[in-house]
Amino acid sequence: VRWGVAGNIAVAWVLTIPAAAAVAAVMFWALAAIIG
């Protein structure tokens, strides 16, 4: 196992998951504002 690569993957996941959640939240709020 190359720990440098594993570390990069771990960092990518740590950044990607909250980013995806933020995008989903923004889309939800935008849709709620349009509908609501």
PDB file of N, CA and C in Angstrom:
ATOM      1  N   VAL A   1       0.854  -1.197   0.000  1.00  0.00           N
ATOM      2  CA  VAL A   1       0.000   0.000   0.000  1.00  0.00           C
ATOM      3  C   VAL A   1       0.883   1.237   0.000  1.00  0.00           C
ATOM      4  N   ARG A   2       0.611   2.138  -0.915  1.00  0.00           N
ATOM      5  CA  ARG A   2       1.317   3.424  -0.916  1.00  0.00           C
ATOM      6  C   ARG A   2       0.503   4.390  -0.052  1.00  0.00           C
ATOM      7  N   TRP A   3       1.068   4.729   1.104  1.00  0.00           N
ATOM      8  CA  TRP A   3       0.296   5.541   2.039  1.00  0.00           C
ATOM      9  C   TRP A   3       0.053   6.950   1.515  1.00  0.00           C
ATOM     10  N   GLY A   4       0.941   7.442   0.653  1.00  0.00           N
ATOM     11  CA  GLY A   4       0.710   8.759   0.069  1.00  0.00           C
ATOM     12  C   GLY A   4      -0.550   8.758  -0.776  1.00  0.00           C
ATOM     13  N   VAL A   5      -0.696   7.703  -1.593  1.00  0.00           N
ATOM     14  CA  VAL A   5      -1.891   7.593  -2.439  1.00  0.00           C
ATOM     15  C   VAL A   5      -3.125   7.379  -1.574  1.00  0.00           C
ATOM     16  N   ALA A   6      -3.009   6.499  -0.572  1.00  0.00           N
ATOM     17  CA  ALA A   6      -4.144   6.242   0.324  1.00  0.00           C
ATOM     18  C   ALA A   6      -4.550   7.529   1.044  1.00  0.00           C
ATOM     19  N   GLY A   7      -3.568   8.313   1.461  1.00  0.00           N
ATOM     20  CA  GLY A   7      -3.865   9.582   2.129  1.00  0.00           C
ATOM     21  C   GLY A   7      -4.580  10.541   1.195  1.00  0.00           C
ATOM     22  N   ASN A   8      -4.130  10.594  -0.061  1.00  0.00           N
ATOM     23  CA  ASN A   8      -4.796  11.469  -1.033  1.00  0.00           C
ATOM     24  C   ASN A   8      -6.237  11.036  -1.251  1.00  0.00           C
ATOM     25  N   ILE A   9      -6.467   9.725  -1.328  1.00  0.00           N
ATOM     26  CA  ILE A   9      -7.828   9.217  -1.509  1.00  0.00           C
ATOM     27  C   ILE A   9      -8.682   9.567  -0.295  1.00  0.00           C
ATOM     28  N   ALA A  10      -8.119   9.400   0.906  1.00  0.00           N
ATOM     29  CA  ALA A  10      -8.858   9.713   2.132  1.00  0.00           C
ATOM     30  C   ALA A  10      -9.234  11.193   2.162  1.00  0.00           C
ATOM     31  N   VAL A  11      -8.279  12.056   1.826  1.00  0.00           N
ATOM     32  CA  VAL A  11      -8.555  13.498   1.806  1.00  0.00           C
ATOM     33  C   VAL A  11      -9.631  13.812   0.772  1.00  0.00           C
ATOM     34  N   ALA A  12      -9.548  13.168  -0.388  1.00  0.00           N
ATOM     35  CA  ALA A  12     -10.545  13.401  -1.434  1.00  0.00           C
ATOM     36  C   ALA A  12     -11.942  13.036  -0.935  1.00  0.00           C
ATOM     37  N   TRP A  13     -12.056  11.903  -0.241  1.00  0.00           N
ATOM     38  CA  TRP A  13     -13.357  11.495   0.283  1.00  0.00           C
ATOM     39  C   TRP A  13     -13.852  12.473   1.344  1.00  0.00           C
ATOM     40  N   VAL A  14     -12.936  12.898   2.229  1.00  0.00           N
ATOM     41  CA  VAL A  14     -13.327  13.829   3.299  1.00  0.00           C
ATOM     42  C   VAL A  14     -13.838  15.139   2.712  1.00  0.00           C
ATOM     43  N   LEU A  15     -13.260  15.558   1.571  1.00  0.00           N
ATOM     44  CA  LEU A  15     -13.713  16.793   0.933  1.00  0.00           C
ATOM     45  C   LEU A  15     -14.942  16.570   0.059  1.00  0.00           C
ATOM     46  N   THR A  16     -15.021  15.404  -0.577  1.00  0.00           N
ATOM     47  CA  THR A  16     -16.092  15.154  -1.545  1.00  0.00           C
ATOM     48  C   THR A  16     -17.443  14.963  -0.869  1.00  0.00           C
ATOM     49  N   ILE A  17     -17.467  14.211   0.237  1.00  0.00           N
ATOM     50  CA  ILE A  17     -18.748  13.909   0.880  1.00  0.00           C
ATOM     51  C   ILE A  17     -19.443  15.188   1.377  1.00  0.00           C
ATOM     52  N   PRO A  18     -18.768  16.060   2.136  1.00  0.00           N
ATOM     53  CA  PRO A  18     -19.432  17.309   2.539  1.00  0.00           C
ATOM     54  C   PRO A  18     -19.784  18.200   1.346  1.00  0.00           C
ATOM     55  N   ALA A  19     -18.951  18.195   0.316  1.00  0.00           N
ATOM     56  CA  ALA A  19     -19.245  18.998  -0.868  1.00  0.00           C
ATOM     57  C   ALA A  19     -20.519  18.497  -1.534  1.00  0.00           C
ATOM     58  N   ALA A  20     -20.661  17.177  -1.654  1.00  0.00           N
ATOM     59  CA  ALA A  20     -21.868  16.601  -2.244  1.00  0.00           C
ATOM     60  C   ALA A  20     -23.085  16.931  -1.381  1.00  0.00           C
ATOM     61  N   ALA A  21     -22.927  16.861  -0.072  1.00  0.00           N
ATOM     62  CA  ALA A  21     -24.026  17.191   0.834  1.00  0.00           C
ATOM     63  C   ALA A  21     -24.416  18.663   0.685  1.00  0.00           C
ATOM     64  N   ALA A  22     -23.430  19.533   0.547  1.00  0.00           N
ATOM     65  CA  ALA A  22     -23.702  20.963   0.390  1.00  0.00           C
ATOM     66  C   ALA A  22     -24.447  21.230  -0.907  1.00  0.00           C
ATOM     67  N   VAL A  23     -24.016  20.590  -1.992  1.00  0.00           N
ATOM     68  CA  VAL A  23     -24.697  20.760  -3.278  1.00  0.00           C
ATOM     69  C   VAL A  23     -26.135  20.266  -3.177  1.00  0.00           C
ATOM     70  N   ALA A  24     -26.343  19.119  -2.541  1.00  0.00           N
ATOM     71  CA  ALA A  24     -27.690  18.576  -2.382  1.00  0.00           C
ATOM     72  C   ALA A  24     -28.553  19.536  -1.564  1.00  0.00           C
ATOM     73  N   ALA A  25     -27.984  20.114  -0.513  1.00  0.00           N
ATOM     74  CA  ALA A  25     -28.737  21.043   0.330  1.00  0.00           C
ATOM     75  C   ALA A  25     -29.131  22.288  -0.457  1.00  0.00           C
ATOM     76  N   VAL A  26     -28.195  22.829  -1.229  1.00  0.00           N
ATOM     77  CA  VAL A  26     -28.489  24.021  -2.034  1.00  0.00           C
ATOM     78  C   VAL A  26     -29.576  23.722  -3.054  1.00  0.00           C
ATOM     79  N   MET A  27     -29.477  22.572  -3.718  1.00  0.00           N
ATOM     80  CA  MET A  27     -30.493  22.193  -4.700  1.00  0.00           C
ATOM     81  C   MET A  27     -31.854  22.033  -4.024  1.00  0.00           C
ATOM     82  N   PHE A  28     -31.859  21.426  -2.825  1.00  0.00           N
ATOM     83  CA  PHE A  28     -33.106  21.232  -2.092  1.00  0.00           C
ATOM     84  C   PHE A  28     -33.732  22.577  -1.732  1.00  0.00           C
ATOM     85  N   TRP A  29     -32.893  23.485  -1.203  1.00  0.00           N
ATOM     86  CA  TRP A  29     -33.407  24.796  -0.822  1.00  0.00           C
ATOM     87  C   TRP A  29     -33.906  25.573  -2.032  1.00  0.00           C
ATOM     88  N   ALA A  30     -33.195  25.494  -3.143  1.00  0.00           N
ATOM     89  CA  ALA A  30     -33.610  26.191  -4.359  1.00  0.00           C
ATOM     90  C   ALA A  30     -34.947  25.637  -4.847  1.00  0.00           C
ATOM     91  N   LEU A  31     -35.067  24.316  -4.867  1.00  0.00           N
ATOM     92  CA  LEU A  31     -36.306  23.689  -5.312  1.00  0.00           C
ATOM     93  C   LEU A  31     -37.457  24.050  -4.373  1.00  0.00           C
ATOM     94  N   ALA A  32     -37.192  24.044  -3.067  1.00  0.00           N
ATOM     95  CA  ALA A  32     -38.216  24.410  -2.095  1.00  0.00           C
ATOM     96  C   ALA A  32     -38.643  25.866  -2.296  1.00  0.00           C
ATOM     97  N   ALA A  33     -37.702  26.745  -2.594  1.00  0.00           N
ATOM     98  CA  ALA A  33     -38.021  28.155  -2.810  1.00  0.00           C
ATOM     99  C   ALA A  33     -38.860  28.325  -4.072  1.00  0.00           C
ATOM    100  N   ILE A  34     -38.548  27.574  -5.117  1.00  0.00           N
ATOM    101  CA  ILE A  34     -39.295  27.673  -6.376  1.00  0.00           C
ATOM    102  C   ILE A  34     -40.713  27.138  -6.198  1.00  0.00           C
ATOM    103  N   ILE A  35     -40.826  25.991  -5.521  1.00  0.00           N
ATOM    104  CA  ILE A  35     -42.134  25.359  -5.345  1.00  0.00           C
ATOM    105  C   ILE A  35     -42.950  26.107  -4.303  1.00  0.00           C
ATOM    106  N   GLY A  36     -42.271  26.547  -3.234  1.00  0.00           N
ATOM    107  CA  GLY A  36     -42.927  26.892  -2.034  1.00  0.00           C
ATOM    108  C   GLY A  36     -43.424  28.223  -1.729  1.00  0.00           C
TER     109      GLY A  36
END
